[in-house]
Amino acid sequence: MATNSSACSSYEVILGLALVLGAVVHLAEARAFFVFGDSLVDSGNNNYLATTARADAPPYGIDHPTHQPTGRFSNGLNIPDLISEQIGSESPLPYLSPELSGQKLLVGANFASAGIGILNDTGIQFQRVVALIGAEQAKRLVNQALVLLTVGGNDFVNNYYLIPYSARSRQYDLPDYVQYLISEYKKLLMNLYNLGVRRVIVTGTGPLGCVPAELAMRSTNGGCSAELQRAAALYNPQLESMINDVNRKIGSDVFIAANTHQMHTDFVSNPQAFALALARGTIVHQADARDFFVFGDSLVDGGSNNYLATSARAYLPPYGIDYPTCQATGRFSNGLNLPDIMS
């Protein structure tokens, strides 16, 4: 997800997902690695497209080995990169990269594009592989390959909920829309199967209502958007059920569901277990924090209201009685506040 939804995964969430998926990948003994999805797995395709959904400027890429923006909607590596590390392979190049030819194509290709959803055609992109290396070699390559499929979030945040009374929200109520997405997703999976794909990791959505951009736009009390959380709660179980049904139909566990929603929830509900600090729904790695900017209300105000014409001020006792100076500082606290403690 990009632009309106933001690439919300922290490095720790991505790493945790990659480690879990990496274990699955080893079992599959995959050869080539193909990626389909949205901004969470885009490795730079949108750099070659006429779109505003781009990650070609800082701070994207600040923790990448090159310390440069690469088109990944991440501060560094993304999920496909880390899965590639786990299987001892090069990370697949964006399919639009001029470098993707010859032997590089045998590693696989990344077809992900920020903004894409279930309701965009994905399977047809394999035809590009056929055009590049020929039908027979493409069939062998695809049959032995690992495929990562990460779509779904944009169908909610950048479609159904993009604007009030969106076309899709007028067409469907939420439960019916979820069923429609699942039915379209099933067609997509069967298209991939019919193209010869036999090892597919399918990720669900994370907690859509807790994405920072959605918090900024929809939250009224600092909590996650209840409506988007409802959408994720309806969608993810039905996706897993549909995947199980498809596997039963074809008689093999071709499609593997990865519960990314639960992984995100684990990080948010127990951040200390992962060496994280949690503030107002945003995950910060304690060892990697740089400049620290704070946005919020009185819970995190360090004294800004002292300089404003407002009655909402904390410049008199008993505020500050337990602060190191034992003086009121403008913090709405008897002592230190959350930004102080995080710092």
C-alpha atoms as a PDB file:
ATOM      1  CA  MET A   1       0.000   0.000   0.000  1.00  0.00           C
ATOM      2  CA  ALA A   2       1.279   3.428  -0.784  1.00  0.00           C
ATOM      3  CA  THR A   3       0.406   7.085  -0.990  1.00  0.00           C
ATOM      4  CA  ASN A   4      -2.899   7.272   0.898  1.00  0.00           C
ATOM      5  CA  SER A   5      -2.210   4.255   3.061  1.00  0.00           C
ATOM      6  CA  SER A   6       1.567   4.504   3.459  1.00  0.00           C
ATOM      7  CA  ALA A   7       3.986   1.624   3.659  1.00  0.00           C
ATOM      8  CA  CYS A   8       3.200   0.869   7.243  1.00  0.00           C
ATOM      9  CA  SER A   9       5.359  -2.080   8.196  1.00  0.00           C
ATOM     10  CA  SER A  10       8.308  -1.427  10.420  1.00  0.00           C
ATOM     11  CA  TYR A  11      11.563  -3.212   9.701  1.00  0.00           C
ATOM     12  CA  GLU A  12      10.828  -5.551  12.604  1.00  0.00           C
ATOM     13  CA  VAL A  13       7.419  -6.495  11.205  1.00  0.00           C
ATOM     14  CA  ILE A  14       8.987  -7.114   7.806  1.00  0.00           C
ATOM     15  CA  LEU A  15      11.841  -9.121   9.314  1.00  0.00           C
ATOM     16  CA  GLY A  16       9.480 -11.228  11.409  1.00  0.00           C
ATOM     17  CA  LEU A  17       7.346 -11.969   8.381  1.00  0.00           C
ATOM     18  CA  ALA A  18      10.391 -12.774   6.292  1.00  0.00           C
ATOM     19  CA  LEU A  19      11.723 -15.207   8.879  1.00  0.00           C
ATOM     20  CA  VAL A  20       8.385 -17.023   9.062  1.00  0.00           C
ATOM     21  CA  LEU A  21       8.022 -17.107   5.295  1.00  0.00           C
ATOM     22  CA  GLY A  22      11.678 -18.044   4.942  1.00  0.00           C
ATOM     23  CA  ALA A  23      11.036 -21.213   6.914  1.00  0.00           C
ATOM     24  CA  VAL A  24       8.259 -22.074   4.494  1.00  0.00           C
ATOM     25  CA  VAL A  25      10.476 -21.234   1.546  1.00  0.00           C
ATOM     26  CA  HIS A  26      13.203 -23.658   2.634  1.00  0.00           C
ATOM     27  CA  LEU A  27      10.653 -26.428   2.683  1.00  0.00           C
ATOM     28  CA  ALA A  28       9.678 -25.558  -0.853  1.00  0.00           C
ATOM     29  CA  GLU A  29      13.244 -25.640  -2.210  1.00  0.00           C
ATOM     30  CA  ALA A  30      12.211 -22.981  -4.669  1.00  0.00           C
ATOM     31  CA  ARG A  31      14.345 -22.081  -7.683  1.00  0.00           C
ATOM     32  CA  ALA A  32      13.139 -18.776  -9.127  1.00  0.00           C
ATOM     33  CA  PHE A  33      11.227 -16.275  -6.977  1.00  0.00           C
ATOM     34  CA  PHE A  34       8.357 -14.202  -8.380  1.00  0.00           C
ATOM     35  CA  VAL A  35       6.639 -11.433  -6.447  1.00  0.00           C
ATOM     36  CA  PHE A  36       3.185  -9.944  -7.033  1.00  0.00           C
ATOM     37  CA  GLY A  37       1.624  -7.303  -4.864  1.00  0.00           C
ATOM     38  CA  ASP A  38       1.467  -3.721  -3.683  1.00  0.00           C
ATOM     39  CA  SER A  39       3.855  -1.237  -2.065  1.00  0.00           C
ATOM     40  CA  LEU A  40       4.711  -3.639   0.755  1.00  0.00           C
ATOM     41  CA  VAL A  41       6.664  -5.751  -1.738  1.00  0.00           C
ATOM     42  CA  ASP A  42       7.354  -3.312  -4.610  1.00  0.00           C
ATOM     43  CA  SER A  43      11.110  -3.189  -5.232  1.00  0.00           C
ATOM     44  CA  GLY A  44      11.080  -0.292  -7.664  1.00  0.00           C
ATOM     45  CA  ASN A  45       8.620  -0.870 -10.501  1.00  0.00           C
ATOM     46  CA  ASN A  46       6.838   2.388  -9.811  1.00  0.00           C
ATOM     47  CA  ASN A  47      10.065   4.267 -10.504  1.00  0.00           C
ATOM     48  CA  TYR A  48       9.426   3.415 -14.156  1.00  0.00           C
ATOM     49  CA  LEU A  49       5.747   4.408 -14.180  1.00  0.00           C
ATOM     50  CA  ALA A  50       3.985   7.752 -14.513  1.00  0.00           C
ATOM     51  CA  THR A  51       2.553   7.743 -10.996  1.00  0.00           C
ATOM     52  CA  THR A  52       2.776   9.750  -7.794  1.00  0.00           C
ATOM     53  CA  ALA A  53       3.018   6.502  -5.800  1.00  0.00           C
ATOM     54  CA  ARG A  54       6.802   6.473  -5.768  1.00  0.00           C
ATOM     55  CA  ALA A  55       9.533   5.842  -3.221  1.00  0.00           C
ATOM     56  CA  ASP A  56      12.417   7.458  -5.070  1.00  0.00           C
ATOM     57  CA  ALA A  57      13.376  10.140  -2.557  1.00  0.00           C
ATOM     58  CA  PRO A  58      14.619  10.187   1.073  1.00  0.00           C
ATOM     59  CA  PRO A  59      13.851   9.103   3.723  1.00  0.00           C
ATOM     60  CA  TYR A  60      13.100   5.927   1.755  1.00  0.00           C
ATOM     61  CA  GLY A  61      16.232   3.808   1.559  1.00  0.00           C
ATOM     62  CA  ILE A  62      18.171   5.360   4.420  1.00  0.00           C
ATOM     63  CA  ASP A  63      18.940   1.889   5.841  1.00  0.00           C
ATOM     64  CA  HIS A  64      19.343   0.148   2.491  1.00  0.00           C
ATOM     65  CA  PRO A  65      22.908  -1.101   1.871  1.00  0.00           C
ATOM     66  CA  THR A  66      23.286   1.742  -0.645  1.00  0.00           C
ATOM     67  CA  HIS A  67      21.718   4.302   1.740  1.00  0.00           C
ATOM     68  CA  GLN A  68      19.764   5.524  -1.274  1.00  0.00           C
ATOM     69  CA  PRO A  69      16.066   5.335  -2.179  1.00  0.00           C
ATOM     70  CA  THR A  70      15.528   2.320  -4.404  1.00  0.00           C
ATOM     71  CA  GLY A  71      11.818   2.445  -5.106  1.00  0.00           C
ATOM     72  CA  ARG A  72      11.086   0.230  -2.125  1.00  0.00           C
ATOM     73  CA  PHE A  73       8.468   1.704   0.205  1.00  0.00           C
ATOM     74  CA  SER A  74      10.766   0.996   3.114  1.00  0.00           C
ATOM     75  CA  ASN A  75      13.640   2.536   5.020  1.00  0.00           C
ATOM     76  CA  GLY A  76      15.771  -0.414   3.885  1.00  0.00           C
ATOM     77  CA  LEU A  77      15.119  -3.941   2.676  1.00  0.00           C
ATOM     78  CA  ASN A  78      11.606  -5.237   2.142  1.00  0.00           C
ATOM     79  CA  ILE A  79       9.936  -8.635   2.459  1.00  0.00           C
ATOM     80  CA  PRO A  80      11.146 -10.070  -0.889  1.00  0.00           C
ATOM     81  CA  ASP A  81      14.722  -9.007  -0.082  1.00  0.00           C
ATOM     82  CA  LEU A  82      14.684 -10.790   3.246  1.00  0.00           C
ATOM     83  CA  ILE A  83      13.044 -13.915   1.864  1.00  0.00           C
ATOM     84  CA  SER A  84      15.741 -13.951  -0.822  1.00  0.00           C
ATOM     85  CA  GLU A  85      18.390 -13.783   1.898  1.00  0.00           C
ATOM     86  CA  GLN A  86      16.750 -16.711   3.665  1.00  0.00           C
ATOM     87  CA  ILE A  87      16.855 -18.880   0.546  1.00  0.00           C
ATOM     88  CA  GLY A  88      20.368 -17.761  -0.410  1.00  0.00           C
ATOM     89  CA  SER A  89      19.340 -16.038  -3.598  1.00  0.00           C
ATOM     90  CA  GLU A  90      19.585 -12.623  -5.186  1.00  0.00           C
ATOM     91  CA  SER A  91      16.559 -10.442  -4.672  1.00  0.00           C
ATOM     92  CA  PRO A  92      14.446 -10.476  -7.845  1.00  0.00           C
ATOM     93  CA  LEU A  93      14.677  -7.305  -9.894  1.00  0.00           C
ATOM     94  CA  PRO A  94      11.657  -5.172 -10.796  1.00  0.00           C
ATOM     95  CA  TYR A  95      10.203  -6.478 -14.026  1.00  0.00           C
ATOM     96  CA  LEU A  96      10.469  -2.980 -15.525  1.00  0.00           C
ATOM     97  CA  SER A  97      14.181  -2.727 -14.749  1.00  0.00           C
ATOM     98  CA  PRO A  98      16.382  -2.615 -17.857  1.00  0.00           C
ATOM     99  CA  GLU A  99      18.765  -4.928 -15.981  1.00  0.00           C
ATOM    100  CA  LEU A 100      16.216  -7.776 -15.982  1.00  0.00           C
ATOM    101  CA  SER A 101      17.343 -10.023 -18.805  1.00  0.00           C
ATOM    102  CA  GLY A 102      19.261 -13.208 -19.466  1.00  0.00           C
ATOM    103  CA  GLN A 103      20.429 -15.011 -16.338  1.00  0.00           C
ATOM    104  CA  LYS A 104      18.896 -12.365 -14.073  1.00  0.00           C
ATOM    105  CA  LEU A 105      15.444 -13.491 -15.169  1.00  0.00           C
ATOM    106  CA  LEU A 106      16.198 -17.046 -14.019  1.00  0.00           C
ATOM    107  CA  VAL A 107      16.389 -15.653 -10.465  1.00  0.00           C
ATOM    108  CA  GLY A 108      12.808 -14.467 -10.850  1.00  0.00           C
ATOM    109  CA  ALA A 109      11.152 -11.084 -11.134  1.00  0.00           C
ATOM    110  CA  ASN A 110       9.250  -8.663  -8.973  1.00  0.00           C
ATOM    111  CA  PHE A 111       5.954  -7.583 -10.566  1.00  0.00           C
ATOM    112  CA  ALA A 112       4.686  -5.693  -7.513  1.00  0.00           C
ATOM    113  CA  SER A 113       3.482  -2.138  -7.952  1.00  0.00           C
ATOM    114  CA  ALA A 114       2.403   0.304  -5.271  1.00  0.00           C
ATOM    115  CA  GLY A 115      -1.318   0.880  -5.427  1.00  0.00           C
ATOM    116  CA  ILE A 116      -2.260  -2.453  -6.985  1.00  0.00           C
ATOM    117  CA  GLY A 117      -5.088  -4.525  -5.554  1.00  0.00           C
ATOM    118  CA  ILE A 118      -6.991  -7.752  -6.036  1.00  0.00           C
ATOM    119  CA  LEU A 119      -9.156  -6.016  -8.578  1.00  0.00           C
ATOM    120  CA  ASN A 120      -6.165  -5.512 -10.882  1.00  0.00           C
ATOM    121  CA  ASP A 121      -5.188  -8.404 -13.135  1.00  0.00           C
ATOM    122  CA  THR A 122      -2.043 -10.090 -11.804  1.00  0.00           C
ATOM    123  CA  GLY A 123      -1.720 -13.447 -13.577  1.00  0.00           C
ATOM    124  CA  ILE A 124      -1.375 -11.832 -16.987  1.00  0.00           C
ATOM    125  CA  GLN A 125       1.997 -10.440 -15.944  1.00  0.00           C
ATOM    126  CA  PHE A 126       3.481 -13.919 -16.304  1.00  0.00           C
ATOM    127  CA  GLN A 127       2.994 -13.483 -20.020  1.00  0.00           C
ATOM    128  CA  ARG A 128       5.917 -11.060 -19.865  1.00  0.00           C
ATOM    129  CA  VAL A 129       8.118 -13.928 -18.724  1.00  0.00           C
ATOM    130  CA  VAL A 130       6.948 -15.990 -21.702  1.00  0.00           C
ATOM    131  CA  ALA A 131       7.804 -13.127 -24.038  1.00  0.00           C
ATOM    132  CA  LEU A 132      11.266 -12.794 -22.550  1.00  0.00           C
ATOM    133  CA  ILE A 133      12.431 -16.425 -22.392  1.00  0.00           C
ATOM    134  CA  GLY A 134       9.971 -18.447 -24.481  1.00  0.00           C
ATOM    135  CA  ALA A 135       6.993 -20.634 -23.598  1.00  0.00           C
ATOM    136  CA  GLU A 136       8.744 -23.918 -22.726  1.00  0.00           C
ATOM    137  CA  GLN A 137      11.443 -22.416 -20.536  1.00  0.00           C
ATOM    138  CA  ALA A 138       8.888 -20.129 -18.887  1.00  0.00           C
ATOM    139  CA  LYS A 139       6.678 -23.112 -18.065  1.00  0.00           C
ATOM    140  CA  ARG A 140       9.572 -24.962 -16.379  1.00  0.00           C
ATOM    141  CA  LEU A 141      10.714 -21.840 -14.550  1.00  0.00           C
ATOM    142  CA  VAL A 142       7.253 -21.003 -13.241  1.00  0.00           C
ATOM    143  CA  ASN A 143       6.441 -24.579 -12.248  1.00  0.00           C
ATOM    144  CA  GLN A 144       9.520 -24.796 -10.023  1.00  0.00           C
ATOM    145  CA  ALA A 145       9.372 -21.229  -8.697  1.00  0.00           C
ATOM    146  CA  LEU A 146       8.273 -19.713  -5.415  1.00  0.00           C
ATOM    147  CA  VAL A 147       5.638 -16.992  -5.691  1.00  0.00           C
ATOM    148  CA  LEU A 148       4.828 -14.359  -3.071  1.00  0.00           C
ATOM    149  CA  LEU A 149       1.421 -12.725  -3.394  1.00  0.00           C
ATOM    150  CA  THR A 150       0.685  -9.650  -1.249  1.00  0.00           C
ATOM    151  CA  VAL A 151      -2.483  -7.802  -2.230  1.00  0.00           C
ATOM    152  CA  GLY A 152      -5.740  -6.805  -0.582  1.00  0.00           C
ATOM    153  CA  GLY A 153      -5.048  -3.736   1.534  1.00  0.00           C
ATOM    154  CA  ASN A 154      -5.431  -1.264  -1.309  1.00  0.00           C
ATOM    155  CA  ASP A 155      -8.829  -2.691  -2.179  1.00  0.00           C
ATOM    156  CA  PHE A 156      -9.962  -1.239   1.132  1.00  0.00           C
ATOM    157  CA  VAL A 157      -7.917   1.860   1.961  1.00  0.00           C
ATOM    158  CA  ASN A 158      -7.425   3.099  -1.605  1.00  0.00           C
ATOM    159  CA  ASN A 159     -10.733   1.916  -3.015  1.00  0.00           C
ATOM    160  CA  TYR A 160     -13.679   1.140  -0.740  1.00  0.00           C
ATOM    161  CA  TYR A 161     -12.680   3.680   1.933  1.00  0.00           C
ATOM    162  CA  LEU A 162     -10.708   6.090  -0.245  1.00  0.00           C
ATOM    163  CA  ILE A 163     -13.416   8.746  -0.129  1.00  0.00           C
ATOM    164  CA  PRO A 164     -16.803   8.944   1.592  1.00  0.00           C
ATOM    165  CA  TYR A 165     -19.474   7.247  -0.495  1.00  0.00           C
ATOM    166  CA  SER A 166     -16.956   5.753  -2.907  1.00  0.00           C
ATOM    167  CA  ALA A 167     -18.283   3.909  -5.935  1.00  0.00           C
ATOM    168  CA  ARG A 168     -17.536   0.526  -4.355  1.00  0.00           C
ATOM    169  CA  SER A 169     -19.123   1.463  -1.020  1.00  0.00           C
ATOM    170  CA  ARG A 170     -22.273   2.537  -2.849  1.00  0.00           C
ATOM    171  CA  GLN A 171     -22.253  -0.702  -4.817  1.00  0.00           C
ATOM    172  CA  TYR A 172     -21.670  -3.077  -1.864  1.00  0.00           C
ATOM    173  CA  ASP A 173     -22.058  -3.074   1.871  1.00  0.00           C
ATOM    174  CA  LEU A 174     -18.848  -4.191   3.584  1.00  0.00           C
ATOM    175  CA  PRO A 175     -19.629  -7.927   4.101  1.00  0.00           C
ATOM    176  CA  ASP A 176     -20.718  -8.255   0.474  1.00  0.00           C
ATOM    177  CA  TYR A 177     -17.650  -6.356  -0.726  1.00  0.00           C
ATOM    178  CA  VAL A 178     -15.385  -8.710   1.228  1.00  0.00           C
ATOM    179  CA  GLN A 179     -17.107 -11.705  -0.364  1.00  0.00           C
ATOM    180  CA  TYR A 180     -16.656 -10.099  -3.778  1.00  0.00           C
ATOM    181  CA  LEU A 181     -12.927  -9.579  -3.143  1.00  0.00           C
ATOM    182  CA  ILE A 182     -12.536 -13.173  -1.985  1.00  0.00           C
ATOM    183  CA  SER A 183     -14.289 -14.469  -5.093  1.00  0.00           C
ATOM    184  CA  GLU A 184     -12.022 -12.357  -7.317  1.00  0.00           C
ATOM    185  CA  TYR A 185      -8.953 -13.478  -5.360  1.00  0.00           C
ATOM    186  CA  LYS A 186      -9.964 -17.102  -5.886  1.00  0.00           C
ATOM    187  CA  LYS A 187     -10.011 -16.502  -9.641  1.00  0.00           C
ATOM    188  CA  LEU A 188      -6.547 -14.955  -9.402  1.00  0.00           C
ATOM    189  CA  LEU A 189      -5.170 -17.969  -7.518  1.00  0.00           C
ATOM    190  CA  MET A 190      -6.674 -20.389 -10.001  1.00  0.00           C
ATOM    191  CA  ASN A 191      -5.187 -18.373 -12.878  1.00  0.00           C
ATOM    192  CA  LEU A 192      -1.773 -18.732 -11.293  1.00  0.00           C
ATOM    193  CA  TYR A 193      -2.330 -22.460 -10.778  1.00  0.00           C
ATOM    194  CA  ASN A 194      -3.383 -22.898 -14.394  1.00  0.00           C
ATOM    195  CA  LEU A 195      -0.221 -21.074 -15.468  1.00  0.00           C
ATOM    196  CA  GLY A 196       1.773 -23.806 -13.706  1.00  0.00           C
ATOM    197  CA  VAL A 197       2.573 -22.173 -10.367  1.00  0.00           C
ATOM    198  CA  ARG A 198       2.880 -24.723  -7.556  1.00  0.00           C
ATOM    199  CA  ARG A 199       4.427 -22.861  -4.582  1.00  0.00           C
ATOM    200  CA  VAL A 200       2.574 -19.701  -3.510  1.00  0.00           C
ATOM    201  CA  ILE A 201       2.726 -17.769  -0.252  1.00  0.00           C
ATOM    202  CA  VAL A 202      -0.400 -15.627   0.182  1.00  0.00           C
ATOM    203  CA  THR A 203      -0.335 -12.890   2.813  1.00  0.00           C
ATOM    204  CA  GLY A 204      -3.436 -11.376   4.346  1.00  0.00           C
ATOM    205  CA  THR A 205      -3.779  -7.753   5.346  1.00  0.00           C
ATOM    206  CA  GLY A 206      -2.286  -6.241   8.458  1.00  0.00           C
ATOM    207  CA  PRO A 207      -4.415  -4.231  10.929  1.00  0.00           C
ATOM    208  CA  LEU A 208      -5.636  -1.745   8.324  1.00  0.00           C
ATOM    209  CA  GLY A 209      -7.096   0.679  10.840  1.00  0.00           C
ATOM    210  CA  CYS A 210      -3.764   1.068  12.627  1.00  0.00           C
ATOM    211  CA  VAL A 211      -1.778   2.263   9.594  1.00  0.00           C
ATOM    212  CA  PRO A 212      -0.271   5.667  10.553  1.00  0.00           C
ATOM    213  CA  ALA A 213      -1.922   7.486   7.643  1.00  0.00           C
ATOM    214  CA  GLU A 214      -5.291   6.000   8.549  1.00  0.00           C
ATOM    215  CA  LEU A 215      -4.778   6.967  12.196  1.00  0.00           C
ATOM    216  CA  ALA A 216      -4.094  10.526  11.082  1.00  0.00           C
ATOM    217  CA  MET A 217      -7.176  10.684   8.872  1.00  0.00           C
ATOM    218  CA  ARG A 218      -9.718   8.638  10.809  1.00  0.00           C
ATOM    219  CA  SER A 219      -8.779   8.328  14.467  1.00  0.00           C
ATOM    220  CA  THR A 220     -10.737  10.453  16.904  1.00  0.00           C
ATOM    221  CA  ASN A 221      -9.122   9.329  20.149  1.00  0.00           C
ATOM    222  CA  GLY A 222      -5.718   8.002  19.129  1.00  0.00           C
ATOM    223  CA  GLY A 223      -7.059   4.505  18.549  1.00  0.00           C
ATOM    224  CA  CYS A 224      -7.216   2.484  15.365  1.00  0.00           C
ATOM    225  CA  SER A 225     -10.032   3.035  12.897  1.00  0.00           C
ATOM    226  CA  ALA A 226     -12.806   0.683  13.979  1.00  0.00           C
ATOM    227  CA  GLU A 227     -14.310   0.452  10.503  1.00  0.00           C
ATOM    228  CA  LEU A 228     -11.029  -0.510   8.810  1.00  0.00           C
ATOM    229  CA  GLN A 229     -10.285  -2.970  11.603  1.00  0.00           C
ATOM    230  CA  ARG A 230     -13.714  -4.474  10.968  1.00  0.00           C
ATOM    231  CA  ALA A 231     -12.831  -4.824   7.294  1.00  0.00           C
ATOM    232  CA  ALA A 232      -9.603  -6.669   8.117  1.00  0.00           C
ATOM    233  CA  ALA A 233     -11.424  -8.872  10.630  1.00  0.00           C
ATOM    234  CA  LEU A 234     -13.956  -9.883   7.965  1.00  0.00           C
ATOM    235  CA  TYR A 235     -11.439 -10.305   5.171  1.00  0.00           C
ATOM    236  CA  ASN A 236      -8.562 -12.299   6.668  1.00  0.00           C
ATOM    237  CA  PRO A 237     -10.501 -15.329   7.980  1.00  0.00           C
ATOM    238  CA  GLN A 238     -12.402 -15.600   4.692  1.00  0.00           C
ATOM    239  CA  LEU A 239      -9.162 -15.425   2.740  1.00  0.00           C
ATOM    240  CA  GLU A 240      -7.670 -18.268   4.765  1.00  0.00           C
ATOM    241  CA  SER A 241     -10.846 -20.323   4.389  1.00  0.00           C
ATOM    242  CA  MET A 242     -10.883 -19.757   0.636  1.00  0.00           C
ATOM    243  CA  ILE A 243      -7.226 -20.818   0.348  1.00  0.00           C
ATOM    244  CA  ASN A 244      -7.987 -24.033   2.227  1.00  0.00           C
ATOM    245  CA  ASP A 245     -10.934 -24.686  -0.095  1.00  0.00           C
ATOM    246  CA  VAL A 246      -8.786 -24.138  -3.191  1.00  0.00           C
ATOM    247  CA  ASN A 247      -6.105 -26.493  -1.888  1.00  0.00           C
ATOM    248  CA  ARG A 248      -8.714 -29.170  -1.210  1.00  0.00           C
ATOM    249  CA  LYS A 249     -10.128 -28.719  -4.695  1.00  0.00           C
ATOM    250  CA  ILE A 250      -6.762 -29.175  -6.408  1.00  0.00           C
ATOM    251  CA  GLY A 251      -5.650 -31.880  -3.981  1.00  0.00           C
ATOM    252  CA  SER A 252      -2.404 -30.225  -2.903  1.00  0.00           C
ATOM    253  CA  ASP A 253      -1.212 -27.460  -0.578  1.00  0.00           C
ATOM    254  CA  VAL A 254      -0.098 -25.172  -3.389  1.00  0.00           C
ATOM    255  CA  PHE A 255      -1.197 -22.003  -1.586  1.00  0.00           C
ATOM    256  CA  ILE A 256       0.102 -21.212   1.905  1.00  0.00           C
ATOM    257  CA  ALA A 257      -1.650 -18.525   3.978  1.00  0.00           C
ATOM    258  CA  ALA A 258       0.543 -16.231   6.076  1.00  0.00           C
ATOM    259  CA  ASN A 259      -1.293 -14.515   8.946  1.00  0.00           C
ATOM    260  CA  THR A 260       0.342 -11.087   8.757  1.00  0.00           C
ATOM    261  CA  HIS A 261      -2.474  -9.508  10.768  1.00  0.00           C
ATOM    262  CA  GLN A 262      -1.587 -11.612  13.808  1.00  0.00           C
ATOM    263  CA  MET A 263       2.126 -10.866  13.337  1.00  0.00           C
ATOM    264  CA  HIS A 264       1.448  -7.127  13.376  1.00  0.00           C
ATOM    265  CA  THR A 265      -0.845  -7.508  16.376  1.00  0.00           C
ATOM    266  CA  ASP A 266       1.871  -9.355  18.291  1.00  0.00           C
ATOM    267  CA  PHE A 267       4.326  -6.511  17.679  1.00  0.00           C
ATOM    268  CA  VAL A 268       1.840  -3.848  18.754  1.00  0.00           C
ATOM    269  CA  SER A 269       0.448  -5.695  21.792  1.00  0.00           C
ATOM    270  CA  ASN A 270       3.838  -6.835  23.141  1.00  0.00           C
ATOM    271  CA  PRO A 271       6.511  -4.524  21.684  1.00  0.00           C
ATOM    272  CA  GLN A 272       8.977  -5.121  24.510  1.00  0.00           C
ATOM    273  CA  ALA A 273       9.315  -8.736  23.429  1.00  0.00           C
ATOM    274  CA  PHE A 274      10.765  -7.474  20.164  1.00  0.00           C
ATOM    275  CA  ALA A 275      12.971  -4.668  21.611  1.00  0.00           C
ATOM    276  CA  LEU A 276      10.515  -2.028  20.444  1.00  0.00           C
ATOM    277  CA  ALA A 277       9.105   1.095  22.016  1.00  0.00           C
ATOM    278  CA  LEU A 278       5.491   1.891  21.238  1.00  0.00           C
ATOM    279  CA  ALA A 279       4.075   5.404  21.144  1.00  0.00           C
ATOM    280  CA  ARG A 280       0.595   6.364  19.920  1.00  0.00           C
ATOM    281  CA  GLY A 281       0.406   3.394  17.572  1.00  0.00           C
ATOM    282  CA  THR A 282       3.830   3.920  15.982  1.00  0.00           C
ATOM    283  CA  ILE A 283       6.593   1.331  16.373  1.00  0.00           C
ATOM    284  CA  VAL A 284      10.113   2.641  16.941  1.00  0.00           C
ATOM    285  CA  HIS A 285      13.194   0.448  17.131  1.00  0.00           C
ATOM    286  CA  GLN A 286      15.094   1.460  20.237  1.00  0.00           C
ATOM    287  CA  ALA A 287      18.531   0.922  18.709  1.00  0.00           C
ATOM    288  CA  ASP A 288      17.808   2.584  15.370  1.00  0.00           C
ATOM    289  CA  ALA A 289      16.026   5.812  16.339  1.00  0.00           C
ATOM    290  CA  ARG A 290      17.465   8.953  14.758  1.00  0.00           C
ATOM    291  CA  ASP A 291      15.960  12.398  14.942  1.00  0.00           C
ATOM    292  CA  PHE A 292      12.832  12.208  17.032  1.00  0.00           C
ATOM    293  CA  PHE A 293       9.753  14.195  16.060  1.00  0.00           C
ATOM    294  CA  VAL A 294       6.633  14.145  18.190  1.00  0.00           C
ATOM    295  CA  PHE A 295       3.101  14.937  17.035  1.00  0.00           C
ATOM    296  CA  GLY A 296       0.119  14.632  19.276  1.00  0.00           C
ATOM    297  CA  ASP A 297      -1.943  16.052  22.111  1.00  0.00           C
ATOM    298  CA  SER A 298      -1.360  16.841  25.772  1.00  0.00           C
ATOM    299  CA  LEU A 299      -0.075  13.331  26.465  1.00  0.00           C
ATOM    300  CA  VAL A 300       3.110  14.115  24.513  1.00  0.00           C
ATOM    301  CA  ASP A 301       3.255  17.938  24.681  1.00  0.00           C
ATOM    302  CA  GLY A 302       6.686  19.034  25.892  1.00  0.00           C
ATOM    303  CA  GLY A 303       5.665  22.643  26.493  1.00  0.00           C
ATOM    304  CA  SER A 304       4.484  23.976  23.150  1.00  0.00           C
ATOM    305  CA  ASN A 305       1.280  25.364  24.635  1.00  0.00           C
ATOM    306  CA  ASN A 306       3.301  27.635  26.894  1.00  0.00           C
ATOM    307  CA  TYR A 307       3.915  29.746  23.793  1.00  0.00           C
ATOM    308  CA  LEU A 308       0.315  29.775  22.537  1.00  0.00           C
ATOM    309  CA  ALA A 309      -2.653  31.948  23.429  1.00  0.00           C
ATOM    310  CA  THR A 310      -4.596  29.153  25.042  1.00  0.00           C
ATOM    311  CA  SER A 311      -5.935  28.186  28.432  1.00  0.00           C
ATOM    312  CA  ALA A 312      -4.745  24.592  27.871  1.00  0.00           C
ATOM    313  CA  ARG A 313      -1.395  25.097  29.621  1.00  0.00           C
ATOM    314  CA  ALA A 314       0.638  23.164  32.173  1.00  0.00           C
ATOM    315  CA  TYR A 315       2.975  25.867  33.473  1.00  0.00           C
ATOM    316  CA  LEU A 316       1.896  25.945  37.122  1.00  0.00           C
ATOM    317  CA  PRO A 317       2.083  23.442  40.015  1.00  0.00           C
ATOM    318  CA  PRO A 318       1.209  20.693  40.620  1.00  0.00           C
ATOM    319  CA  TYR A 319       2.468  20.022  37.075  1.00  0.00           C
ATOM    320  CA  GLY A 320       6.189  19.215  37.238  1.00  0.00           C
ATOM    321  CA  ILE A 321       6.421  18.432  40.940  1.00  0.00           C
ATOM    322  CA  ASP A 322       8.304  15.203  40.157  1.00  0.00           C
ATOM    323  CA  TYR A 323      10.253  16.597  37.192  1.00  0.00           C
ATOM    324  CA  PRO A 324      14.058  16.704  37.740  1.00  0.00           C
ATOM    325  CA  THR A 325      13.830  20.504  38.192  1.00  0.00           C
ATOM    326  CA  CYS A 326      10.734  20.165  40.394  1.00  0.00           C
ATOM    327  CA  GLN A 327       9.189  22.914  38.267  1.00  0.00           C
ATOM    328  CA  ALA A 328       6.256  23.055  35.878  1.00  0.00           C
ATOM    329  CA  THR A 329       7.601  22.674  32.334  1.00  0.00           C
ATOM    330  CA  GLY A 330       4.528  22.749  30.152  1.00  0.00           C
ATOM    331  CA  ARG A 331       4.291  18.972  30.216  1.00  0.00           C
ATOM    332  CA  PHE A 332       0.856  17.764  31.259  1.00  0.00           C
ATOM    333  CA  SER A 333       2.499  15.489  33.770  1.00  0.00           C
ATOM    334  CA  ASN A 334       3.855  15.472  37.294  1.00  0.00           C
ATOM    335  CA  GLY A 335       7.252  14.596  35.807  1.00  0.00           C
ATOM    336  CA  LEU A 336       8.575  13.128  32.578  1.00  0.00           C
ATOM    337  CA  ASN A 337       6.239  12.307  29.722  1.00  0.00           C
ATOM    338  CA  LEU A 338       6.328   9.597  27.071  1.00  0.00           C
ATOM    339  CA  PRO A 339       8.722  11.383  24.641  1.00  0.00           C
ATOM    340  CA  ASP A 340      11.131  11.988  27.549  1.00  0.00           C
ATOM    341  CA  ILE A 341      11.063   8.325  28.503  1.00  0.00           C
ATOM    342  CA  MET A 342      11.511   7.171  24.908  1.00  0.00           C
ATOM    343  CA  SER A 343      14.433   9.548  24.452  1.00  0.00           C
END
